[in-house]
Protein backbone atom coordinates (compact mmCIF):
# COMPACT_ATOMS: atom_id res chain seq x y z
CA MET A 1 141.82 98.46 18.48
CA THR A 2 143.51 100.37 15.72
CA PHE A 3 141.83 101.62 12.58
CA GLU A 4 144.44 99.84 10.47
CA THR A 5 143.58 96.49 12.05
CA LEU A 6 139.91 96.99 11.19
CA HIS A 7 140.81 97.93 7.64
CA ASN A 8 143.20 94.98 7.19
CA ASP A 9 140.59 92.55 8.54
CA MET A 10 138.02 93.93 6.10
CA VAL A 11 140.46 93.41 3.22
CA ALA A 12 141.07 89.84 4.43
CA ALA A 13 137.31 89.22 4.53
CA MET A 14 137.01 90.55 0.99
CA LYS A 15 139.79 88.23 -0.21
CA ALA A 16 138.11 85.29 1.54
CA ARG A 17 134.82 86.26 -0.13
CA ASP A 18 133.10 86.49 3.26
CA LYS A 19 130.36 88.99 2.37
CA ALA A 20 128.68 89.03 5.77
CA ARG A 21 131.87 89.74 7.74
CA LYS A 22 133.00 92.30 5.17
CA GLY A 23 129.65 94.07 5.52
CA VAL A 24 129.90 94.32 9.31
CA LEU A 25 133.52 95.54 9.19
CA SER A 26 132.72 98.00 6.41
CA THR A 27 129.94 99.49 8.54
CA LEU A 28 132.28 99.75 11.54
CA ILE A 29 134.92 101.49 9.41
CA ALA A 30 132.34 103.94 8.04
CA ASP A 31 131.15 104.72 11.58
CA VAL A 32 134.74 105.28 12.75
CA LYS A 33 135.46 107.59 9.80
CA LYS A 34 132.30 109.59 10.47
CA ALA A 35 133.18 109.95 14.16
CA ALA A 36 136.72 111.02 13.21
CA ILE A 37 135.41 113.68 10.87
CA ASP A 38 133.00 114.92 13.54
CA ALA A 39 135.86 115.05 16.06
CA GLY A 40 138.13 116.85 13.57
CA THR A 41 140.76 114.10 13.57
CA ARG A 42 140.26 112.67 10.11
CA GLU A 43 143.95 112.20 9.41
CA ASP A 44 144.93 110.74 12.78
CA ILE A 45 142.30 108.29 14.07
CA GLY A 46 143.19 107.24 17.61
CA GLU A 47 142.51 103.94 19.32
CA ALA A 48 140.25 105.60 21.90
CA LEU A 49 137.94 106.86 19.15
CA VAL A 50 137.86 103.45 17.46
CA ASP A 51 137.05 101.73 20.77
CA GLN A 52 134.31 104.25 21.52
CA VAL A 53 132.65 103.69 18.13
CA ILE A 54 132.94 99.90 18.49
CA GLN A 55 131.27 100.05 21.91
CA LYS A 56 128.45 102.16 20.51
CA SER A 57 128.00 99.73 17.61
CA LEU A 58 128.03 96.81 20.04
CA LYS A 59 125.27 98.42 22.08
CA THR A 60 123.22 99.04 18.93
CA ALA A 61 123.71 95.44 17.79
CA ARG A 62 122.65 94.17 21.24
CA GLU A 63 119.48 96.30 21.09
CA GLN A 64 118.69 95.00 17.58
CA LEU A 65 119.12 91.44 18.78
CA ASP A 66 116.97 91.97 21.87
CA SER A 67 114.16 93.72 19.99
CA CYS A 68 113.99 91.23 17.11
CA PRO A 69 110.87 89.02 17.25
CA ASP A 70 111.50 85.31 17.79
CA ASP A 71 109.47 84.30 14.72
CA ARG A 72 111.98 86.08 12.43
CA ALA A 73 114.70 83.43 12.74
CA GLU A 74 116.74 84.50 9.69
CA LEU A 75 116.81 88.14 10.81
CA LYS A 76 117.69 87.15 14.37
CA ALA A 77 120.55 84.97 13.03
CA GLU A 78 121.87 87.91 11.00
CA TYR A 79 121.74 90.22 14.05
CA GLN A 80 123.48 87.55 16.15
CA TYR A 81 126.26 87.24 13.54
CA ASN A 82 126.73 91.02 13.46
CA TYR A 83 126.87 91.12 17.26
CA ASP A 84 129.41 88.27 17.38
CA VAL A 85 131.71 89.95 14.83
CA ILE A 86 131.58 93.29 16.66
CA CYS A 87 132.32 91.48 19.96
CA GLU A 88 135.60 90.24 18.47
CA TYR A 89 136.77 93.84 18.11
CA ALA A 90 135.25 95.32 21.27
CA PRO A 91 137.67 96.29 24.02
CA LYS A 92 137.60 94.09 27.10
CA LEU A 93 135.55 95.70 29.85
CA MET A 94 136.22 95.46 33.57
CA SER A 95 134.40 92.78 35.57
CA GLU A 96 132.22 93.64 38.55
CA ASP A 97 134.96 92.59 40.97
CA GLU A 98 137.50 94.77 39.16
CA ILE A 99 135.07 97.71 39.30
CA ARG A 100 134.53 97.22 43.05
CA ALA A 101 138.30 97.08 43.64
CA PHE A 102 138.87 100.18 41.50
CA LEU A 103 136.19 102.12 43.37
CA ALA A 104 137.48 101.04 46.79
CA GLU A 105 141.05 101.97 45.85
CA ARG A 106 140.53 105.31 44.11
CA PHE A 107 137.21 106.67 45.35
CA ALA A 108 136.99 105.59 49.02
CA ASP A 109 136.50 109.18 50.21
CA VAL A 110 133.60 109.81 47.78
CA LEU A 111 132.03 106.42 48.55
CA ALA A 112 131.94 107.35 52.23
CA THR A 113 129.42 110.13 51.47
CA LYS A 114 126.81 107.55 50.31
CA ASN A 115 125.57 110.18 47.81
CA LYS A 116 124.96 108.20 44.61
CA GLY A 117 124.82 111.24 42.32
CA GLN A 118 128.08 112.62 43.63
CA ILE A 119 129.76 109.22 43.39
CA MET A 120 128.61 108.64 39.81
CA LYS A 121 129.76 112.14 38.82
CA ALA A 122 133.24 111.41 40.16
CA VAL A 123 133.52 107.81 38.95
CA MET A 124 132.14 107.89 35.39
CA PRO A 125 134.92 109.98 33.79
CA ALA A 126 137.56 107.63 35.23
CA LEU A 127 135.79 104.47 34.03
CA LYS A 128 134.43 105.70 30.70
CA GLY A 129 135.20 103.10 28.05
CA LYS A 130 136.69 100.72 30.61
CA ALA A 131 133.50 99.39 32.18
CA ASP A 132 129.81 99.07 31.39
CA GLY A 133 127.78 102.01 32.71
CA LYS A 134 124.92 99.79 33.88
CA ALA A 135 127.31 97.64 35.90
CA ILE A 136 128.90 100.72 37.47
CA ASN A 137 125.46 102.10 38.35
CA ALA A 138 124.38 98.82 39.96
CA ILE A 139 127.58 98.54 42.01
CA VAL A 140 127.38 102.16 43.18
CA ALA A 141 123.71 101.68 44.16
CA GLU A 142 124.70 98.57 46.11
CA LEU A 143 127.52 100.41 47.89
CA CYS A 144 125.22 103.32 48.81
CA ARG A 145 122.82 101.07 50.75
């Protein structure tokens, strides 16, 4: 996802007078700008940084949705809307089958050790941003048995 796409979609939401969508996109853009400043790349915001911020925002939105009490229907609906909008921009993550195939292809020698810590240390940098960490952890634990 490019920063320009996010910005253009926010402008389109403003023109369509869609306050809720504009609010979510505005927050995403602010988070991306803050991360770019922290990384020292304010002028040239890369797709990897945008995807990283979107994934972090998606995780935060998921946590908000999960922790919201059921009796607060209007708040839960708002959190669900925010989550759905962020999902539209989130990069597609690898499925469990794709993760298994990737591990078998690239990390067969490390998998043979059956040392979960060593495997995770080798695998996580290669799959960062491409797959969910919890899914990777579960698959590695399964393969170590």
